[in-house]
Amino acid sequence: MSRRTKRYAGRHGFTLMEMLVVLAILVLLVAMVAPRLLGTQKKANVSAAKTQIGLFKGSLERYALDMGSFPTTEQGLTALLQAPAEEGAAAESEQTTPSNWAGPYLNSPELPKDPWGRTYQYEYPPTHGTGEYPDIWSYGPDGEDGTEDDIVNWGQTQEDGEKAPGREAPAEDRAAAAPPPAESRQP
């Protein structure tokens, strides 16, 4: 046997030092990439919730055209899938479908959940937004109502002047955008 063959004949694997160097490189790569992927997932979930709220808006508008008004808070978004009971029905067994209900107004057999697995919230008449459009919102990633990460359909305006799903503008921004009181206006 030659000298070179004897030198490598007993070596069949990697040394501990080689393994540690490779492991350290992998840990550094994961540490750099993971936060970016997690941030992208959060943005995707928020975007999906805003899109779903926009889809609810279109369905609610079709419902309101057929029924003459938006579903009440008690009827909720379920009224997009199931006809609300005819007003004046005495018992639940006597409930009838209103003749002008042309639903279901959604393409799915059940109400979609938000990206975090919770139900969307609905309120009509609205208490958060201004105007005649119902309030629709998701509790967002933290699952708590009234926090900064809630995804809502009131408060922000798009470039074309329509209300966009998003957070309500801070009070100081709303005050700055409001017209001055009538007594301080000059003729």
N, C-alpha and C. Protein backbone atom coordinates (compact mmCIF):
# COMPACT_ATOMS: atom_id res chain seq x y z
N MET A 1 0.83 -1.17 0.00
CA MET A 1 0.00 0.00 0.00
C MET A 1 0.88 1.24 0.00
N SER A 2 0.43 2.23 -0.72
CA SER A 2 1.22 3.46 -0.78
C SER A 2 0.96 4.30 0.46
N ARG A 3 1.79 5.25 0.65
CA ARG A 3 1.69 6.12 1.81
C ARG A 3 0.37 6.92 1.81
N ARG A 4 -0.06 7.39 0.64
CA ARG A 4 -1.28 8.18 0.50
C ARG A 4 -2.50 7.33 0.86
N THR A 5 -2.54 6.11 0.43
CA THR A 5 -3.66 5.22 0.69
C THR A 5 -3.77 4.94 2.19
N LYS A 6 -2.65 4.74 2.87
CA LYS A 6 -2.67 4.50 4.31
C LYS A 6 -3.21 5.70 5.07
N ARG A 7 -2.88 6.88 4.61
CA ARG A 7 -3.26 8.10 5.31
C ARG A 7 -4.79 8.28 5.35
N TYR A 8 -5.51 7.97 4.27
CA TYR A 8 -6.96 8.17 4.19
C TYR A 8 -7.75 6.88 4.39
N ALA A 9 -7.09 5.78 4.60
CA ALA A 9 -7.77 4.49 4.72
C ALA A 9 -8.67 4.44 5.95
N GLY A 10 -8.32 5.05 7.04
CA GLY A 10 -9.13 4.99 8.26
C GLY A 10 -10.17 6.09 8.35
N ARG A 11 -10.19 7.02 7.43
CA ARG A 11 -11.11 8.16 7.50
C ARG A 11 -12.37 7.86 6.70
N HIS A 12 -13.54 7.77 7.41
CA HIS A 12 -14.79 7.43 6.75
C HIS A 12 -15.87 8.49 6.93
N GLY A 13 -15.64 9.55 7.68
CA GLY A 13 -16.69 10.53 7.94
C GLY A 13 -16.11 11.91 8.15
N PHE A 14 -16.96 12.80 8.68
CA PHE A 14 -16.55 14.17 8.92
C PHE A 14 -16.10 14.30 10.36
N THR A 15 -15.22 15.25 10.59
CA THR A 15 -14.77 15.50 11.96
C THR A 15 -15.81 16.35 12.68
N LEU A 16 -15.71 16.39 13.98
CA LEU A 16 -16.62 17.19 14.79
C LEU A 16 -16.51 18.66 14.40
N MET A 17 -15.33 19.13 14.17
CA MET A 17 -15.12 20.53 13.80
C MET A 17 -15.82 20.86 12.48
N GLU A 18 -15.72 19.99 11.50
CA GLU A 18 -16.39 20.21 10.21
C GLU A 18 -17.91 20.27 10.39
N MET A 19 -18.43 19.38 11.21
CA MET A 19 -19.87 19.36 11.47
C MET A 19 -20.33 20.65 12.16
N LEU A 20 -19.57 21.13 13.12
CA LEU A 20 -19.93 22.36 13.82
C LEU A 20 -19.90 23.58 12.90
N VAL A 21 -18.93 23.64 12.00
CA VAL A 21 -18.85 24.75 11.06
C VAL A 21 -20.07 24.74 10.14
N VAL A 22 -20.43 23.59 9.61
CA VAL A 22 -21.60 23.49 8.74
C VAL A 22 -22.87 23.85 9.50
N LEU A 23 -23.00 23.37 10.73
CA LEU A 23 -24.16 23.68 11.55
C LEU A 23 -24.26 25.18 11.83
N ALA A 24 -23.15 25.82 12.13
CA ALA A 24 -23.14 27.26 12.39
C ALA A 24 -23.57 28.04 11.15
N ILE A 25 -23.12 27.63 9.99
CA ILE A 25 -23.52 28.31 8.75
C ILE A 25 -25.02 28.15 8.52
N LEU A 26 -25.55 26.96 8.75
CA LEU A 26 -26.98 26.74 8.57
C LEU A 26 -27.81 27.57 9.55
N VAL A 27 -27.37 27.65 10.80
CA VAL A 27 -28.09 28.44 11.80
C VAL A 27 -28.10 29.91 11.40
N LEU A 28 -26.98 30.42 10.91
CA LEU A 28 -26.93 31.82 10.47
C LEU A 28 -27.87 32.07 9.30
N LEU A 29 -27.91 31.16 8.36
CA LEU A 29 -28.81 31.32 7.21
C LEU A 29 -30.27 31.31 7.64
N VAL A 30 -30.64 30.39 8.52
CA VAL A 30 -32.02 30.32 9.00
C VAL A 30 -32.36 31.58 9.80
N ALA A 31 -31.43 32.07 10.60
CA ALA A 31 -31.67 33.27 11.40
C ALA A 31 -31.89 34.50 10.51
N MET A 32 -31.29 34.53 9.36
CA MET A 32 -31.47 35.67 8.45
C MET A 32 -32.75 35.55 7.63
N VAL A 33 -33.14 34.35 7.24
CA VAL A 33 -34.27 34.15 6.33
C VAL A 33 -35.60 34.03 7.07
N ALA A 34 -35.64 33.39 8.21
CA ALA A 34 -36.90 33.12 8.92
C ALA A 34 -37.70 34.38 9.24
N PRO A 35 -37.10 35.44 9.79
CA PRO A 35 -37.91 36.64 10.08
C PRO A 35 -38.55 37.24 8.83
N ARG A 36 -37.87 37.19 7.72
CA ARG A 36 -38.44 37.72 6.49
C ARG A 36 -39.64 36.90 6.04
N LEU A 37 -39.53 35.58 6.17
CA LEU A 37 -40.65 34.72 5.78
C LEU A 37 -41.83 34.92 6.71
N LEU A 38 -41.58 35.07 8.01
CA LEU A 38 -42.67 35.27 8.96
C LEU A 38 -43.34 36.62 8.72
N GLY A 39 -42.57 37.65 8.43
CA GLY A 39 -43.14 38.96 8.12
C GLY A 39 -43.98 38.92 6.87
N THR A 40 -43.55 38.17 5.88
CA THR A 40 -44.31 38.02 4.65
C THR A 40 -45.62 37.30 4.91
N GLN A 41 -45.62 36.30 5.76
CA GLN A 41 -46.85 35.58 6.09
C GLN A 41 -47.84 36.49 6.79
N LYS A 42 -47.37 37.33 7.70
CA LYS A 42 -48.27 38.25 8.40
C LYS A 42 -48.90 39.23 7.41
N LYS A 43 -48.09 39.76 6.49
CA LYS A 43 -48.62 40.68 5.48
C LYS A 43 -49.64 39.97 4.60
N ALA A 44 -49.37 38.74 4.25
CA ALA A 44 -50.30 37.97 3.41
C ALA A 44 -51.62 37.73 4.13
N ASN A 45 -51.57 37.44 5.43
CA ASN A 45 -52.79 37.22 6.20
C ASN A 45 -53.61 38.51 6.30
N VAL A 46 -52.96 39.63 6.54
CA VAL A 46 -53.66 40.91 6.62
C VAL A 46 -54.29 41.24 5.27
N SER A 47 -53.55 41.01 4.20
CA SER A 47 -54.06 41.27 2.86
C SER A 47 -55.27 40.36 2.55
N ALA A 48 -55.19 39.11 2.95
CA ALA A 48 -56.31 38.19 2.73
C ALA A 48 -57.55 38.63 3.50
N ALA A 49 -57.37 39.11 4.72
CA ALA A 49 -58.51 39.59 5.52
C ALA A 49 -59.14 40.82 4.87
N LYS A 50 -58.31 41.75 4.39
CA LYS A 50 -58.83 42.94 3.71
C LYS A 50 -59.60 42.56 2.45
N THR A 51 -59.07 41.60 1.71
CA THR A 51 -59.74 41.14 0.49
C THR A 51 -61.09 40.51 0.83
N GLN A 52 -61.14 39.69 1.87
CA GLN A 52 -62.39 39.04 2.25
C GLN A 52 -63.42 40.08 2.70
N ILE A 53 -62.99 41.09 3.42
CA ILE A 53 -63.90 42.16 3.84
C ILE A 53 -64.44 42.88 2.60
N GLY A 54 -63.59 43.09 1.59
CA GLY A 54 -64.05 43.69 0.34
C GLY A 54 -65.06 42.81 -0.38
N LEU A 55 -64.87 41.49 -0.33
CA LEU A 55 -65.84 40.57 -0.94
C LEU A 55 -67.17 40.60 -0.19
N PHE A 56 -67.11 40.70 1.13
CA PHE A 56 -68.34 40.84 1.91
C PHE A 56 -69.07 42.11 1.50
N LYS A 57 -68.31 43.18 1.26
CA LYS A 57 -68.92 44.45 0.87
C LYS A 57 -69.74 44.29 -0.41
N GLY A 58 -69.17 43.64 -1.42
CA GLY A 58 -69.90 43.43 -2.67
C GLY A 58 -71.14 42.57 -2.47
N SER A 59 -71.02 41.53 -1.68
CA SER A 59 -72.17 40.66 -1.41
C SER A 59 -73.25 41.40 -0.64
N LEU A 60 -72.84 42.22 0.32
CA LEU A 60 -73.81 43.00 1.10
C LEU A 60 -74.52 44.03 0.24
N GLU A 61 -73.81 44.60 -0.72
CA GLU A 61 -74.45 45.57 -1.63
C GLU A 61 -75.51 44.88 -2.49
N ARG A 62 -75.22 43.68 -2.98
CA ARG A 62 -76.22 42.93 -3.75
C ARG A 62 -77.43 42.57 -2.86
N TYR A 63 -77.16 42.17 -1.63
CA TYR A 63 -78.23 41.87 -0.68
C TYR A 63 -79.11 43.10 -0.47
N ALA A 64 -78.47 44.26 -0.24
CA ALA A 64 -79.21 45.49 0.02
C ALA A 64 -80.05 45.90 -1.19
N LEU A 65 -79.55 45.66 -2.40
CA LEU A 65 -80.33 45.96 -3.59
C LEU A 65 -81.60 45.11 -3.64
N ASP A 66 -81.47 43.84 -3.29
CA ASP A 66 -82.62 42.93 -3.31
C ASP A 66 -83.59 43.18 -2.16
N MET A 67 -83.04 43.38 -0.96
CA MET A 67 -83.87 43.42 0.24
C MET A 67 -84.25 44.84 0.68
N GLY A 68 -83.60 45.85 0.15
CA GLY A 68 -83.93 47.22 0.53
C GLY A 68 -83.09 47.79 1.65
N SER A 69 -82.36 46.96 2.38
CA SER A 69 -81.45 47.43 3.41
C SER A 69 -80.45 46.32 3.73
N PHE A 70 -79.44 46.68 4.49
CA PHE A 70 -78.43 45.69 4.90
C PHE A 70 -79.00 44.81 6.00
N PRO A 71 -78.43 43.61 6.19
CA PRO A 71 -78.88 42.76 7.30
C PRO A 71 -78.62 43.46 8.63
N THR A 72 -79.46 43.21 9.61
CA THR A 72 -79.25 43.78 10.94
C THR A 72 -78.08 43.07 11.62
N THR A 73 -77.64 43.64 12.74
CA THR A 73 -76.57 43.00 13.50
C THR A 73 -76.98 41.60 13.92
N GLU A 74 -78.24 41.42 14.30
CA GLU A 74 -78.71 40.10 14.73
C GLU A 74 -78.69 39.10 13.57
N GLN A 75 -79.08 39.53 12.38
CA GLN A 75 -79.04 38.65 11.22
C GLN A 75 -77.61 38.36 10.81
N GLY A 76 -76.75 39.36 10.91
CA GLY A 76 -75.33 39.22 10.64
C GLY A 76 -75.02 38.80 9.21
N LEU A 77 -73.80 38.35 9.02
CA LEU A 77 -73.35 37.92 7.70
C LEU A 77 -74.01 36.62 7.27
N THR A 78 -74.63 35.92 8.20
CA THR A 78 -75.34 34.68 7.86
C THR A 78 -76.47 34.95 6.88
N ALA A 79 -77.00 36.18 6.88
CA ALA A 79 -78.08 36.53 5.95
C ALA A 79 -77.61 36.48 4.50
N LEU A 80 -76.31 36.45 4.27
CA LEU A 80 -75.80 36.31 2.90
C LEU A 80 -75.92 34.88 2.40
N LEU A 81 -76.04 33.93 3.32
CA LEU A 81 -76.13 32.51 2.95
C LEU A 81 -77.53 31.95 3.13
N GLN A 82 -78.22 32.43 4.15
CA GLN A 82 -79.56 31.92 4.45
C GLN A 82 -80.53 33.10 4.49
N ALA A 83 -81.68 32.92 3.89
CA ALA A 83 -82.67 33.99 3.87
C ALA A 83 -83.12 34.30 5.28
N PRO A 84 -83.20 35.58 5.60
CA PRO A 84 -83.72 35.93 6.93
C PRO A 84 -85.21 35.62 6.99
N ALA A 85 -85.72 35.43 8.19
CA ALA A 85 -87.14 35.12 8.37
C ALA A 85 -87.98 36.33 7.98
N GLU A 86 -89.11 36.06 7.42
CA GLU A 86 -90.07 37.11 7.05
C GLU A 86 -90.52 37.79 8.33
N GLU A 87 -90.52 39.12 8.37
CA GLU A 87 -90.96 39.82 9.57
C GLU A 87 -92.44 39.54 9.82
N GLY A 88 -92.76 39.39 11.09
CA GLY A 88 -94.15 39.15 11.44
C GLY A 88 -94.48 37.67 11.55
N ALA A 89 -93.53 36.78 11.29
CA ALA A 89 -93.80 35.34 11.43
C ALA A 89 -93.93 35.04 12.92
N ALA A 90 -94.98 34.36 13.30
CA ALA A 90 -95.30 34.15 14.71
C ALA A 90 -94.35 33.17 15.38
N ALA A 91 -94.07 32.06 14.76
CA ALA A 91 -93.21 31.06 15.37
C ALA A 91 -92.11 30.69 14.39
N GLU A 92 -91.08 30.09 14.93
CA GLU A 92 -89.95 29.72 14.08
C GLU A 92 -90.36 28.75 12.99
N SER A 93 -91.33 27.89 13.27
CA SER A 93 -91.78 26.92 12.27
C SER A 93 -92.56 27.60 11.14
N GLU A 94 -93.03 28.82 11.38
CA GLU A 94 -93.79 29.53 10.37
C GLU A 94 -92.94 30.51 9.56
N GLN A 95 -91.64 30.56 9.83
CA GLN A 95 -90.80 31.50 9.12
C GLN A 95 -90.79 31.18 7.63
N THR A 96 -90.88 32.22 6.84
CA THR A 96 -90.86 32.05 5.40
C THR A 96 -89.74 32.89 4.81
N THR A 97 -89.32 32.55 3.64
CA THR A 97 -88.28 33.28 2.95
C THR A 97 -88.88 34.52 2.31
N PRO A 98 -88.29 35.70 2.50
CA PRO A 98 -88.78 36.88 1.83
C PRO A 98 -88.74 36.67 0.31
N SER A 99 -89.75 37.14 -0.38
CA SER A 99 -89.86 36.88 -1.81
C SER A 99 -88.76 37.58 -2.62
N ASN A 100 -88.18 38.66 -2.10
CA ASN A 100 -87.16 39.37 -2.86
C ASN A 100 -85.73 38.93 -2.52
N TRP A 101 -85.56 37.96 -1.64
CA TRP A 101 -84.21 37.44 -1.33
C TRP A 101 -83.76 36.59 -2.50
N ALA A 102 -82.61 36.92 -3.09
CA ALA A 102 -82.12 36.20 -4.28
C ALA A 102 -80.80 35.51 -3.99
N GLY A 103 -80.58 35.12 -2.76
CA GLY A 103 -79.30 34.53 -2.37
C GLY A 103 -79.22 33.06 -2.66
N PRO A 104 -78.20 32.41 -2.25
CA PRO A 104 -77.13 32.94 -1.42
C PRO A 104 -76.24 33.93 -2.18
N TYR A 105 -75.67 34.86 -1.43
CA TYR A 105 -74.87 35.92 -2.01
C TYR A 105 -73.37 35.64 -1.94
N LEU A 106 -73.00 34.52 -1.36
CA LEU A 106 -71.60 34.08 -1.33
C LEU A 106 -71.48 32.76 -2.08
N ASN A 107 -70.30 32.49 -2.60
CA ASN A 107 -70.07 31.26 -3.38
C ASN A 107 -69.70 30.06 -2.53
N SER A 108 -69.62 30.23 -1.23
CA SER A 108 -69.25 29.11 -0.36
C SER A 108 -70.47 28.69 0.48
N PRO A 109 -70.52 27.42 0.89
CA PRO A 109 -71.67 26.95 1.67
C PRO A 109 -71.68 27.46 3.11
N GLU A 110 -70.55 27.98 3.59
CA GLU A 110 -70.50 28.53 4.95
C GLU A 110 -69.69 29.82 4.93
N LEU A 111 -69.88 30.62 5.97
CA LEU A 111 -69.16 31.89 6.05
C LEU A 111 -67.67 31.65 6.20
N PRO A 112 -66.86 32.34 5.41
CA PRO A 112 -65.41 32.18 5.55
C PRO A 112 -64.93 32.73 6.89
N LYS A 113 -63.89 32.14 7.41
CA LYS A 113 -63.24 32.62 8.63
C LYS A 113 -62.08 33.52 8.23
N ASP A 114 -61.62 34.33 9.15
CA ASP A 114 -60.46 35.17 8.85
C ASP A 114 -59.20 34.29 8.81
N PRO A 115 -58.08 34.81 8.35
CA PRO A 115 -56.87 33.98 8.23
C PRO A 115 -56.38 33.37 9.53
N TRP A 116 -56.88 33.85 10.66
CA TRP A 116 -56.47 33.32 11.96
C TRP A 116 -57.52 32.35 12.51
N GLY A 117 -58.52 32.00 11.70
CA GLY A 117 -59.50 31.00 12.08
C GLY A 117 -60.68 31.51 12.89
N ARG A 118 -60.86 32.83 12.98
CA ARG A 118 -61.96 33.39 13.75
C ARG A 118 -63.02 33.97 12.81
N THR A 119 -64.23 34.15 13.34
CA THR A 119 -65.32 34.70 12.52
C THR A 119 -65.14 36.21 12.36
N TYR A 120 -65.60 36.70 11.22
CA TYR A 120 -65.61 38.14 10.99
C TYR A 120 -66.75 38.75 11.80
N GLN A 121 -66.56 39.97 12.26
CA GLN A 121 -67.55 40.67 13.06
C GLN A 121 -68.36 41.59 12.14
N TYR A 122 -69.63 41.77 12.46
CA TYR A 122 -70.53 42.56 11.62
C TYR A 122 -71.46 43.36 12.51
N GLU A 123 -71.71 44.62 12.11
CA GLU A 123 -72.61 45.47 12.88
C GLU A 123 -73.34 46.43 11.95
N TYR A 124 -74.68 46.40 12.03
CA TYR A 124 -75.49 47.34 11.28
C TYR A 124 -76.74 47.65 12.09
N PRO A 125 -77.02 48.90 12.36
CA PRO A 125 -76.36 50.10 11.86
C PRO A 125 -74.96 50.25 12.46
N PRO A 126 -74.10 50.92 11.70
CA PRO A 126 -72.69 51.01 12.11
C PRO A 126 -72.50 51.88 13.35
N THR A 127 -71.55 51.53 14.19
CA THR A 127 -71.21 52.34 15.36
C THR A 127 -69.79 52.88 15.27
N HIS A 128 -68.95 52.29 14.43
CA HIS A 128 -67.56 52.74 14.29
C HIS A 128 -67.38 53.67 13.10
N GLY A 129 -67.86 53.24 11.97
CA GLY A 129 -67.70 54.01 10.75
C GLY A 129 -68.76 55.09 10.62
N THR A 130 -68.48 56.01 9.73
CA THR A 130 -69.48 57.04 9.45
C THR A 130 -70.14 56.66 8.14
N GLY A 131 -71.39 56.99 8.01
CA GLY A 131 -72.09 56.66 6.79
C GLY A 131 -73.11 55.56 7.03
N GLU A 132 -73.61 55.03 5.92
CA GLU A 132 -74.68 54.05 6.00
C GLU A 132 -74.22 52.62 5.77
N TYR A 133 -72.93 52.42 5.59
CA TYR A 133 -72.41 51.10 5.29
C TYR A 133 -72.12 50.34 6.58
N PRO A 134 -72.43 49.03 6.65
CA PRO A 134 -72.19 48.25 7.89
C PRO A 134 -70.71 48.18 8.26
N ASP A 135 -70.45 48.02 9.54
CA ASP A 135 -69.10 47.78 10.03
C ASP A 135 -68.78 46.30 9.90
N ILE A 136 -67.65 45.98 9.28
CA ILE A 136 -67.17 44.60 9.18
C ILE A 136 -65.71 44.63 9.62
N TRP A 137 -65.32 43.70 10.49
CA TRP A 137 -63.94 43.69 10.93
C TRP A 137 -63.50 42.32 11.41
N SER A 138 -62.18 42.17 11.43
CA SER A 138 -61.53 40.97 11.97
C SER A 138 -60.72 41.43 13.17
N TYR A 139 -60.63 40.58 14.17
CA TYR A 139 -59.82 40.92 15.35
C TYR A 139 -58.33 40.94 15.05
N GLY A 140 -57.92 40.45 13.91
CA GLY A 140 -56.52 40.48 13.53
C GLY A 140 -55.71 39.38 14.20
N PRO A 141 -54.40 39.46 14.08
CA PRO A 141 -53.53 38.39 14.59
C PRO A 141 -53.62 38.15 16.09
N ASP A 142 -53.86 39.20 16.88
CA ASP A 142 -53.89 39.01 18.33
C ASP A 142 -55.22 38.49 18.86
N GLY A 143 -56.28 38.52 18.04
CA GLY A 143 -57.57 37.98 18.44
C GLY A 143 -58.34 38.83 19.43
N GLU A 144 -57.91 40.08 19.65
CA GLU A 144 -58.59 40.96 20.60
C GLU A 144 -59.22 42.12 19.87
N ASP A 145 -60.43 42.48 20.28
CA ASP A 145 -61.15 43.58 19.65
C ASP A 145 -60.62 44.92 20.15
N GLY A 146 -60.60 45.89 19.26
CA GLY A 146 -60.21 47.25 19.63
C GLY A 146 -58.72 47.50 19.71
N THR A 147 -57.92 46.61 19.18
CA THR A 147 -56.47 46.82 19.20
C THR A 147 -55.99 47.35 17.87
N GLU A 148 -54.76 47.78 17.82
CA GLU A 148 -54.20 48.43 16.64
C GLU A 148 -54.11 47.51 15.43
N ASP A 149 -54.07 46.20 15.64
CA ASP A 149 -53.92 45.29 14.49
C ASP A 149 -55.25 44.77 13.94
N ASP A 150 -56.39 45.28 14.43
CA ASP A 150 -57.68 44.87 13.87
C ASP A 150 -57.75 45.30 12.40
N ILE A 151 -58.39 44.48 11.58
CA ILE A 151 -58.58 44.81 10.17
C ILE A 151 -60.04 45.21 10.03
N VAL A 152 -60.29 46.47 9.64
CA VAL A 152 -61.64 47.03 9.64
C VAL A 152 -61.98 47.63 8.29
N ASN A 153 -63.26 47.92 8.07
CA ASN A 153 -63.67 48.52 6.80
C ASN A 153 -64.03 49.99 6.95
N TRP A 154 -63.63 50.62 8.01
CA TRP A 154 -63.92 52.05 8.18
C TRP A 154 -62.63 52.80 8.44
N GLY A 155 -62.65 54.10 8.14
CA GLY A 155 -61.57 54.97 8.58
C GLY A 155 -60.54 55.39 7.57
N GLN A 156 -60.18 54.59 6.59
CA GLN A 156 -59.16 55.00 5.63
C GLN A 156 -59.80 55.22 4.28
N THR A 157 -59.24 56.13 3.51
CA THR A 157 -59.78 56.45 2.20
C THR A 157 -58.76 56.08 1.13
N GLN A 158 -59.25 55.45 0.06
CA GLN A 158 -58.38 55.10 -1.06
C GLN A 158 -58.20 56.33 -1.93
N GLU A 159 -57.35 56.21 -2.96
CA GLU A 159 -57.08 57.31 -3.88
C GLU A 159 -58.35 57.76 -4.60
N ASP A 160 -59.27 56.84 -4.88
CA ASP A 160 -60.48 57.20 -5.62
C ASP A 160 -61.58 57.76 -4.71
N GLY A 161 -61.28 57.95 -3.40
CA GLY A 161 -62.25 58.54 -2.50
C GLY A 161 -63.12 57.53 -1.78
N GLU A 162 -63.06 56.24 -2.15
CA GLU A 162 -63.86 55.22 -1.48
C GLU A 162 -63.22 54.81 -0.18
N LYS A 163 -64.06 54.36 0.74
CA LYS A 163 -63.53 53.82 1.99
C LYS A 163 -62.80 52.53 1.71
N ALA A 164 -61.65 52.35 2.34
CA ALA A 164 -60.85 51.15 2.16
C ALA A 164 -60.80 50.38 3.46
N PRO A 165 -60.71 49.05 3.40
CA PRO A 165 -60.53 48.29 4.63
C PRO A 165 -59.22 48.67 5.29
N GLY A 166 -59.21 48.88 6.59
CA GLY A 166 -57.99 49.24 7.31
C GLY A 166 -58.34 49.83 8.65
N ARG A 167 -57.37 50.35 9.36
CA ARG A 167 -57.59 50.94 10.67
C ARG A 167 -58.18 52.32 10.55
N GLU A 168 -58.89 52.74 11.59
CA GLU A 168 -59.44 54.09 11.65
C GLU A 168 -58.29 55.06 11.84
N ALA A 169 -58.39 56.22 11.22
CA ALA A 169 -57.36 57.23 11.36
C ALA A 169 -57.32 57.72 12.81
N PRO A 170 -56.13 58.06 13.33
CA PRO A 170 -56.04 58.57 14.69
C PRO A 170 -56.87 59.84 14.84
N ALA A 171 -57.30 60.14 16.08
CA ALA A 171 -58.19 61.27 16.34
C ALA A 171 -57.58 62.58 15.86
N GLU A 172 -56.27 62.78 16.04
CA GLU A 172 -55.65 64.04 15.62
C GLU A 172 -55.68 64.19 14.10
N ASP A 173 -55.57 63.07 13.36
CA ASP A 173 -55.66 63.13 11.90
C ASP A 173 -57.08 63.45 11.46
N ARG A 174 -58.07 62.89 12.16
CA ARG A 174 -59.46 63.18 11.81
C ARG A 174 -59.78 64.64 12.08
N ALA A 175 -59.26 65.19 13.19
CA ALA A 175 -59.52 66.59 13.53
C ALA A 175 -58.88 67.52 12.51
N ALA A 176 -57.67 67.19 12.05
CA ALA A 176 -56.99 68.02 11.06
C ALA A 176 -57.71 68.01 9.73
N ALA A 177 -58.35 66.89 9.38
CA ALA A 177 -59.02 66.77 8.10
C ALA A 177 -60.43 67.35 8.12
N ALA A 178 -60.98 67.58 9.31
CA ALA A 178 -62.35 68.07 9.43
C ALA A 178 -62.41 69.55 9.06
N PRO A 179 -63.55 69.99 8.49
CA PRO A 179 -63.68 71.41 8.17
C PRO A 179 -63.79 72.21 9.45
N PRO A 180 -63.41 73.49 9.43
CA PRO A 180 -63.50 74.30 10.64
C PRO A 180 -64.96 74.51 11.03
N PRO A 181 -65.24 74.78 12.30
CA PRO A 181 -66.61 75.01 12.74
C PRO A 181 -67.22 76.18 11.98
N ALA A 182 -68.56 76.20 11.89
CA ALA A 182 -69.27 77.20 11.08
C ALA A 182 -69.00 78.62 11.55
N GLU A 183 -68.89 78.85 12.88
CA GLU A 183 -68.70 80.20 13.37
C GLU A 183 -67.32 80.76 13.06
N SER A 184 -66.32 79.90 12.79
CA SER A 184 -64.97 80.40 12.50
C SER A 184 -64.73 80.58 11.01
N ARG A 185 -65.69 80.23 10.18
CA ARG A 185 -65.52 80.41 8.74
C ARG A 185 -65.77 81.85 8.35
N GLN A 186 -64.97 82.36 7.45
CA GLN A 186 -65.13 83.72 6.95
C GLN A 186 -66.01 83.70 5.72
N PRO A 187 -66.97 84.65 5.56
CA PRO A 187 -67.84 84.68 4.37
C PRO A 187 -67.11 85.09 3.12
